[in-house]
Protein backbone atom coordinates (compact mmCIF):
# COMPACT_ATOMS: atom_id res chain seq x y z
CA MET A 1 99.54 46.50 -33.98
CA PHE A 2 100.74 45.75 -30.39
CA ASN A 3 97.11 47.11 -29.06
CA LEU A 4 95.72 44.05 -31.00
CA LEU A 5 97.85 41.56 -28.93
CA LYS A 6 96.75 43.50 -25.63
CA ARG A 7 94.27 41.06 -23.74
CA ALA A 8 90.93 42.59 -23.99
CA PRO A 9 89.37 43.34 -20.59
CA GLU A 10 86.76 40.95 -19.32
CA ALA A 11 82.94 42.48 -19.58
CA VAL A 12 81.86 43.58 -15.81
CA PRO A 13 78.38 42.84 -15.28
CA GLU A 14 76.06 45.62 -15.00
CA ALA A 15 74.38 46.70 -11.54
CA LYS A 16 71.38 48.67 -11.41
CA ALA A 17 71.10 50.19 -8.04
CA SER A 18 69.85 54.03 -6.88
CA ALA A 19 72.91 56.14 -6.75
CA THR A 20 71.73 57.39 -3.11
CA GLY A 21 71.46 54.07 -1.77
CA PRO A 22 74.84 53.56 0.05
CA VAL A 23 74.47 57.57 1.59
CA VAL A 24 71.13 55.76 3.11
CA GLY A 25 72.29 52.42 4.39
CA TYR A 26 76.04 53.40 5.28
CA GLY A 27 75.76 54.80 8.44
CA GLY A 28 73.62 51.83 10.18
CA ALA A 29 74.53 48.77 7.14
CA GLY A 30 74.25 45.61 9.10
CA ARG A 31 72.84 47.35 12.25
CA VAL A 32 69.30 46.79 13.73
CA ALA A 33 67.28 50.18 12.37
CA TRP A 34 64.58 50.36 14.95
CA THR A 35 61.35 52.33 14.79
CA PRO A 36 61.57 55.99 15.65
CA ARG A 37 58.24 55.69 17.58
CA ASP A 38 56.85 54.12 20.43
CA ALA A 39 53.61 51.86 18.50
CA VAL A 40 53.07 50.14 21.85
CA SER A 41 52.39 53.45 23.74
CA LEU A 42 50.02 54.25 20.63
CA THR A 43 48.07 51.34 20.43
CA LYS A 44 47.58 51.31 24.41
CA MET A 45 46.51 54.70 24.36
CA GLY A 46 44.91 55.20 21.03
CA PHE A 47 43.40 51.34 20.85
CA VAL A 48 43.10 49.68 23.99
CA ALA A 49 41.98 52.64 25.88
CA ASN A 50 40.21 54.91 23.53
CA PRO A 51 36.87 53.50 22.13
CA VAL A 52 36.57 55.38 18.96
CA GLY A 53 40.39 54.90 17.72
CA PHE A 54 39.64 51.08 18.76
CA ARG A 55 36.18 51.09 16.58
CA ALA A 56 37.97 52.72 13.72
CA VAL A 57 40.49 50.39 13.72
CA LYS A 58 38.00 47.29 13.69
CA LEU A 59 35.75 48.93 11.33
CA VAL A 60 38.31 48.97 8.63
CA ALA A 61 40.16 45.82 9.43
CA GLU A 62 37.14 43.78 9.65
CA ALA A 63 35.53 45.40 6.34
CA ALA A 64 38.80 44.89 4.19
CA ALA A 65 39.01 41.60 5.83
CA ALA A 66 35.88 40.73 4.51
CA LEU A 67 36.21 41.80 1.09
CA PRO A 68 36.34 38.68 -1.94
CA LEU A 69 38.91 37.88 -3.30
CA LEU A 70 40.21 36.05 -7.01
CA ALA A 71 43.02 35.02 -8.67
CA GLN A 72 43.55 36.48 -11.84
CA ASP A 73 46.09 36.68 -14.55
CA ALA A 74 46.66 38.23 -17.91
CA ALA A 75 44.21 35.01 -19.75
CA GLN A 76 41.79 34.02 -17.07
CA ARG A 77 40.40 34.13 -13.55
CA TYR A 78 40.70 31.00 -11.38
CA GLU A 79 37.90 29.28 -9.51
CA THR A 80 40.53 27.55 -7.67
CA HIS A 81 44.05 28.46 -7.58
CA PRO A 82 46.97 27.02 -4.97
CA LEU A 83 47.04 30.93 -3.70
CA LEU A 84 43.23 30.94 -2.98
CA GLU A 85 43.29 27.87 -1.36
CA LEU A 86 46.43 29.29 0.61
CA MET A 87 44.47 32.79 1.69
CA ALA A 88 41.31 30.35 2.88
CA ARG A 89 43.32 28.99 5.08
CA PRO A 90 46.90 30.56 5.63
CA ASN A 91 47.81 28.62 8.59
CA ALA A 92 46.76 25.89 10.89
CA GLY A 93 45.26 28.65 13.72
CA GLN A 94 43.62 31.51 11.48
CA ALA A 95 40.84 31.00 8.87
CA ARG A 96 41.10 33.82 5.88
CA ALA A 97 39.36 36.28 7.66
CA GLU A 98 41.35 36.63 11.22
CA PHE A 99 44.57 36.50 9.28
CA LEU A 100 43.97 39.44 6.95
CA GLU A 101 42.18 41.41 10.01
CA ALA A 102 45.56 40.54 12.23
CA LEU A 103 47.26 42.51 8.99
CA PHE A 104 45.28 44.87 8.51
CA GLY A 105 45.62 46.06 11.75
CA GLN A 106 48.94 45.86 12.20
CA ILE A 107 49.30 48.20 9.63
CA LEU A 108 46.64 50.84 10.90
CA LEU A 109 48.35 50.77 14.77
CA SER A 110 51.64 50.83 13.45
CA GLY A 111 52.09 51.77 9.77
CA ASN A 112 53.69 48.48 8.96
CA GLY A 113 52.63 44.95 8.12
CA TYR A 114 55.19 41.37 8.25
CA VAL A 115 54.09 38.23 6.71
CA GLU A 116 56.05 35.32 7.29
CA ALA A 117 56.36 32.31 4.79
CA VAL A 118 56.84 29.21 5.86
CA GLY A 119 57.92 26.29 3.65
CA GLU A 120 61.14 24.42 1.70
CA ALA A 121 60.02 25.25 -1.75
CA GLY A 122 57.35 26.90 -4.20
CA LEU A 123 54.68 28.26 -2.89
CA PRO A 124 54.36 28.58 0.85
CA LEU A 125 52.77 26.11 2.79
CA GLU A 126 51.82 28.35 5.45
CA LEU A 127 51.58 32.47 6.34
CA HIS A 128 51.56 34.02 9.52
CA VAL A 129 51.61 37.92 10.69
CA LEU A 130 53.83 39.03 13.11
CA ARG A 131 53.64 41.75 15.50
CA SER A 132 54.83 44.73 14.16
CA ASP A 133 56.31 45.96 17.58
CA ARG A 134 58.60 42.99 17.80
CA MET A 135 59.91 43.08 14.10
CA ALA A 136 62.94 45.53 13.28
CA VAL A 137 64.67 46.46 9.70
CA VAL A 138 68.50 45.38 9.51
CA PRO A 139 69.29 47.48 6.54
CA GLY A 140 72.53 46.73 4.00
CA ARG A 141 74.94 49.24 2.73
CA ASP A 142 72.89 50.09 -0.22
CA GLY A 143 69.99 51.60 1.85
CA TRP A 144 68.08 48.20 1.23
CA PRO A 145 66.64 46.03 3.62
CA ALA A 146 69.12 42.73 4.29
CA GLY A 147 67.23 41.18 7.09
CA TYR A 148 64.75 41.65 9.50
CA GLU A 149 64.74 40.76 12.99
CA TYR A 150 62.00 39.44 15.62
CA LYS A 151 62.67 39.71 19.01
CA VAL A 152 60.71 38.32 21.95
CA GLY A 153 61.91 39.70 25.51
CA ALA A 154 65.89 37.99 25.44
CA LYS A 155 65.16 35.94 22.21
CA ALA A 156 65.93 37.23 18.64
CA HIS A 157 65.52 35.28 15.55
CA ARG A 158 66.89 37.07 11.95
CA PHE A 159 65.34 36.67 9.02
CA VAL A 160 68.26 37.07 6.54
CA LEU A 161 67.68 38.18 2.25
CA ASP A 162 69.55 36.06 0.17
CA GLU A 163 69.03 35.60 -3.65
CA GLY A 164 65.91 33.32 -3.17
CA PRO A 165 62.32 35.23 -2.34
CA SER A 166 62.14 37.10 0.87
CA PRO A 167 60.81 35.07 3.70
CA VAL A 168 59.05 37.93 5.19
CA CYS A 169 56.77 40.20 2.88
CA HIS A 170 56.97 43.99 4.61
CA ILE A 171 53.84 45.94 3.56
CA LYS A 172 54.27 49.43 4.79
CA THR A 173 52.18 52.76 4.48
CA PHE A 174 54.06 56.03 3.32
CA HIS A 175 56.97 57.97 5.43
CA PRO A 176 58.41 61.25 4.08
CA GLN A 177 61.11 60.96 7.21
CA ASP A 178 61.99 57.62 7.14
CA ASP A 179 63.07 55.03 4.90
CA HIS A 180 62.56 51.31 6.56
CA TYR A 181 59.18 52.02 8.65
CA GLY A 182 55.65 53.51 7.50
CA MET A 183 54.01 55.79 9.59
CA SER A 184 51.07 54.72 10.90
CA PRO A 185 47.18 56.66 11.22
CA MET A 186 47.11 56.40 15.01
CA SER A 187 50.85 58.63 15.20
CA ALA A 188 49.09 60.88 13.13
CA ALA A 189 46.16 61.11 15.38
CA ALA A 190 48.27 61.29 18.54
CA VAL A 191 46.87 64.56 20.04
CA ALA A 192 43.47 63.91 19.06
CA VAL A 193 43.61 60.40 21.46
CA ASP A 194 45.22 62.79 24.22
CA VAL A 195 42.51 65.15 24.28
CA HIS A 196 39.63 62.67 23.78
CA ASN A 197 41.13 60.78 26.57
CA SER A 198 42.05 63.36 29.01
CA ALA A 199 38.27 64.54 28.51
CA SER A 200 36.94 60.76 29.39
CA ARG A 201 39.53 60.97 32.81
CA TRP A 202 37.64 65.27 33.56
CA SER A 203 33.87 63.30 32.81
CA LYS A 204 35.13 60.78 35.11
CA ALA A 205 36.26 62.65 37.64
CA LEU A 206 33.16 64.78 37.65
CA LEU A 207 30.73 61.53 37.99
CA ASP A 208 33.23 60.50 41.40
CA ASN A 209 32.12 64.50 42.38
CA ALA A 210 28.25 64.26 42.83
CA ALA A 211 28.44 64.63 38.79
CA ARG A 212 28.57 68.47 39.34
CA PRO A 213 31.32 71.15 39.68
CA SER A 214 32.85 71.04 43.36
CA GLY A 215 31.16 73.58 45.53
CA ALA A 216 33.00 75.78 49.00
CA ILE A 217 32.61 75.72 52.23
CA VAL A 218 33.34 78.55 54.09
CA TYR A 219 33.92 79.42 57.70
CA ARG A 220 33.34 82.54 59.18
CA GLY A 221 33.62 81.76 63.10
CA ALA A 222 32.53 84.09 65.97
CA ASP A 223 34.80 87.14 64.56
CA GLY A 224 34.47 86.23 60.90
CA GLN A 225 38.17 85.59 60.78
CA SER A 226 38.78 82.77 62.37
CA GLN A 227 40.19 79.62 61.06
CA LEU A 228 39.61 76.00 61.00
CA SER A 229 42.04 73.58 63.82
CA PRO A 230 44.20 71.03 62.18
CA ASP A 231 42.06 68.38 63.92
CA GLN A 232 38.97 70.45 62.70
CA TYR A 233 39.79 70.62 59.01
CA ASP A 234 41.11 67.02 58.53
CA ARG A 235 37.60 66.06 60.78
CA LEU A 236 35.79 68.59 57.71
CA LEU A 237 37.22 66.33 54.71
CA SER A 238 37.17 62.87 56.19
CA GLU A 239 33.61 63.44 56.33
CA MET A 240 33.44 65.30 52.98
CA GLU A 241 35.30 62.42 51.19
CA THR A 242 33.58 59.53 53.03
CA HIS A 243 29.63 60.68 52.91
CA HIS A 244 29.31 63.28 50.05
CA GLN A 245 31.59 62.19 47.25
CA GLY A 246 30.91 59.82 44.47
CA ALA A 247 27.04 58.55 42.98
CA ARG A 248 26.66 56.07 45.68
CA ASN A 249 25.93 59.82 47.80
CA ALA A 250 24.43 61.91 45.12
CA GLY A 251 21.68 64.43 46.96
CA ARG A 252 22.54 63.18 50.19
CA PRO A 253 21.91 66.24 52.61
CA MET A 254 24.94 68.13 54.40
CA LEU A 255 25.16 68.62 57.43
CA LEU A 256 27.20 71.75 58.69
CA GLU A 257 27.95 73.03 62.28
CA GLY A 258 27.90 76.71 63.19
CA GLY A 259 30.33 79.07 61.44
CA LEU A 260 29.99 77.00 58.28
CA ASP A 261 28.28 77.80 55.16
CA TRP A 262 27.99 76.17 51.88
CA LYS A 263 28.42 78.02 48.26
CA GLN A 264 27.09 76.47 45.47
CA MET A 265 29.36 77.18 42.22
CA GLY A 266 27.67 76.70 38.91
CA PHE A 267 29.14 75.34 35.58
CA SER A 268 31.81 77.80 33.57
CA PRO A 269 31.50 78.41 29.72
CA SER A 270 34.90 76.29 29.90
CA ASP A 271 32.89 73.28 31.37
CA MET A 272 30.16 73.55 29.32
CA GLU A 273 32.18 73.65 26.36
CA PHE A 274 34.66 70.46 27.23
CA GLN A 275 31.88 67.73 25.89
CA GLN A 276 31.83 69.95 22.65
CA THR A 277 35.94 69.72 22.46
CA LYS A 278 35.79 65.65 23.14
CA GLU A 279 33.36 65.19 20.20
CA ALA A 280 35.98 67.46 18.11
CA ALA A 281 38.90 65.25 19.07
CA ALA A 282 36.41 62.05 18.23
CA ARG A 283 35.95 63.36 14.83
CA GLU A 284 40.14 64.15 14.61
CA ILE A 285 40.64 59.94 15.60
CA ALA A 286 37.69 59.38 12.68
CA THR A 287 39.19 61.53 10.21
CA ALA A 288 42.83 60.25 10.23
CA PHE A 289 41.40 56.35 9.85
CA GLY A 290 39.30 57.48 6.91
CA VAL A 291 35.94 56.26 8.54
CA PRO A 292 33.01 58.88 8.26
CA PRO A 293 32.39 60.26 11.80
CA MET A 294 28.63 59.76 11.37
CA MET A 295 29.59 55.86 10.97
CA LEU A 296 30.88 56.03 14.25
CA GLY A 297 28.06 57.77 15.95
CA ILE A 298 29.87 60.90 16.13
CA PRO A 299 27.06 64.14 16.63
CA GLY A 300 27.70 66.88 14.38
CA ASP A 301 28.82 65.93 11.33
CA ALA A 302 26.96 66.55 8.30
CA THR A 303 29.51 65.77 5.52
CA TYR A 304 27.20 63.12 4.09
CA ALA A 305 23.38 63.13 3.28
CA ASN A 306 23.02 59.86 4.72
CA TYR A 307 24.42 56.62 5.99
CA GLN A 308 24.32 54.71 3.07
CA GLU A 309 26.31 57.38 1.13
CA ALA A 310 28.88 57.07 3.60
CA ASN A 311 29.29 53.92 3.68
CA ARG A 312 30.06 54.21 0.15
CA ALA A 313 32.66 56.26 0.63
CA PHE A 314 34.11 54.54 3.52
CA TYR A 315 34.54 51.80 0.91
CA ARG A 316 35.75 53.60 -2.19
CA LEU A 317 38.37 55.72 -0.31
CA THR A 318 39.34 53.66 3.13
CA VAL A 319 38.78 50.16 2.48
CA LEU A 320 39.35 49.40 -1.13
CA PRO A 321 42.87 51.42 -1.53
CA LEU A 322 44.02 49.67 1.66
CA ALA A 323 43.51 46.24 0.41
CA SER A 324 44.27 46.71 -2.88
CA LYS A 325 47.34 48.42 -1.30
CA VAL A 326 48.24 44.83 0.54
CA CYS A 327 47.08 42.41 -2.16
CA GLY A 328 49.27 43.96 -4.48
CA ALA A 329 52.36 43.59 -2.16
CA LEU A 330 51.50 40.17 -1.29
CA SER A 331 51.10 39.22 -5.49
CA ASN A 332 54.42 40.43 -6.09
CA TRP A 333 55.66 38.44 -3.11
CA PHE A 334 54.19 35.38 -4.08
CA ALA A 335 55.68 35.93 -7.46
CA GLY A 336 59.19 35.20 -6.55
CA PHE A 337 57.59 31.75 -5.37
CA GLY A 338 55.82 31.35 -8.84
CA ALA A 339 52.60 31.79 -8.05
CA GLY A 340 51.60 32.88 -11.29
CA ALA A 341 48.63 34.55 -11.23
CA GLU A 342 47.66 38.08 -8.28
CA LEU A 343 45.02 38.59 -6.07
CA ARG A 344 42.64 40.79 -6.58
CA VAL A 345 39.55 42.42 -5.26
CA ASP A 346 36.29 41.11 -6.62
CA LEU A 347 34.68 44.49 -6.50
CA ASP A 348 31.45 43.06 -8.00
CA GLN A 349 30.86 41.54 -4.93
CA VAL A 350 31.32 44.12 -2.65
CA PRO A 351 27.36 45.07 -1.60
CA ALA A 352 28.42 48.93 -0.81
CA LEU A 353 29.24 49.25 -4.41
CA GLY A 354 26.49 47.59 -5.88
CA ALA A 355 24.32 50.52 -7.45
CA GLU A 356 28.09 51.69 -8.64
CA ARG A 357 29.35 48.78 -10.38
CA GLU A 358 25.83 48.05 -11.72
CA ALA A 359 25.98 51.70 -13.12
CA GLN A 360 29.51 51.13 -14.59
CA TRP A 361 28.80 47.99 -16.23
CA ARG A 362 25.65 49.17 -18.30
CA ARG A 363 27.87 52.16 -19.24
CA VAL A 364 30.77 50.18 -20.70
CA ALA A 365 28.26 47.74 -22.25
CA ASP A 366 26.17 50.56 -24.14
CA ALA A 367 29.57 51.87 -25.75
CA ASP A 368 29.30 50.88 -29.28
CA PHE A 369 32.61 52.28 -30.29
CA LEU A 370 34.65 49.87 -27.91
CA SER A 371 35.74 46.16 -28.87
CA ALA A 372 35.14 43.64 -26.73
CA ALA A 373 38.43 43.42 -25.55
CA GLU A 374 38.44 47.32 -24.61
CA LYS A 375 35.38 46.47 -22.72
CA ARG A 376 36.86 43.65 -20.75
CA ARG A 377 39.60 45.85 -20.00
CA MET A 378 37.43 48.72 -18.55
CA LEU A 379 35.85 45.80 -16.73
CA GLY A 380 38.89 44.61 -14.53
CA LEU A 381 38.46 41.35 -16.80
CA PRO A 382 40.99 38.86 -18.37
CA ALA A 383 41.94 39.90 -21.78
CA GLN A 384 40.16 36.90 -23.36
CA ALA A 385 37.07 34.53 -21.85
CA GLU A 386 37.79 31.88 -19.60
């Protein structure tokens, strides 16, 4: 009877969370988790100072940014939609192609892409791509990001994540050893970038020295054992640097005084293989970014029968997965603002996939055992016609 008079305990609202989240976030709760790699140096050496890395990033980013987008929900595709209008003019200074190219470029170079939403309520009025080398994640006690800190010089701005939609969309690639940041292809290609840059510097030094290995000036003297005096050595060295080095002095005859003899040195086997090492490093860089070496003009690669096949594989294996990942992340982010539709790549409008899509449409149309709804679902169309 007394148990009946006791007050029933109030129901505690159920909160679902990862069991390992507090372990991950306990040590650094509230503090900025800086990126563990030097993305600035990787960008300078692998993109700014390396033609293969530069072209690979530009090729992927420009191709992904040029893909046609559509807005679709479970019922229909929209020819006009606020999402499409926002992506067509994300901000006053950028059009869609420039905005998406910057976003894809940040992901390729650092493994992380950050998009800021500007607006009071509802769908954002503007979108801005933030530089990933200036952004840092602020982890909470549960291991998930509690905010983001954008720092330029001595000034910093913190984006706080509260109950509403996040003001920042963080798109990251998979990193097996980091909880907050993605891994960039440039990081995986860092060793190949160093080899390629070193080979380029070696080639430049070779050109500066008359485009051939150095020879040797042998001084025998009268008795065959004498040595040059310090003044004679400095004078000879100065004349060599002034009159016989560099492309301007290539082929100029050398006047040697008594006791001096010139011994020409030929190419060693390691010198002859240096160009092959450089080409192998270039192929590794292209492989890290998912670009067929044939499309970068790198010789010695016969993976694909022709350029058209390589271009189709490039779109299917590299460009489309990256674009679909970004569209999915943005759509999930826009859902918090009440977008009501999601962004997708219009595969039927990609020229590189024209023959492949035509064959798929033909196969689905000829499948009499499928219903109309099943055919539409296989083709990525809404469940019912507009």
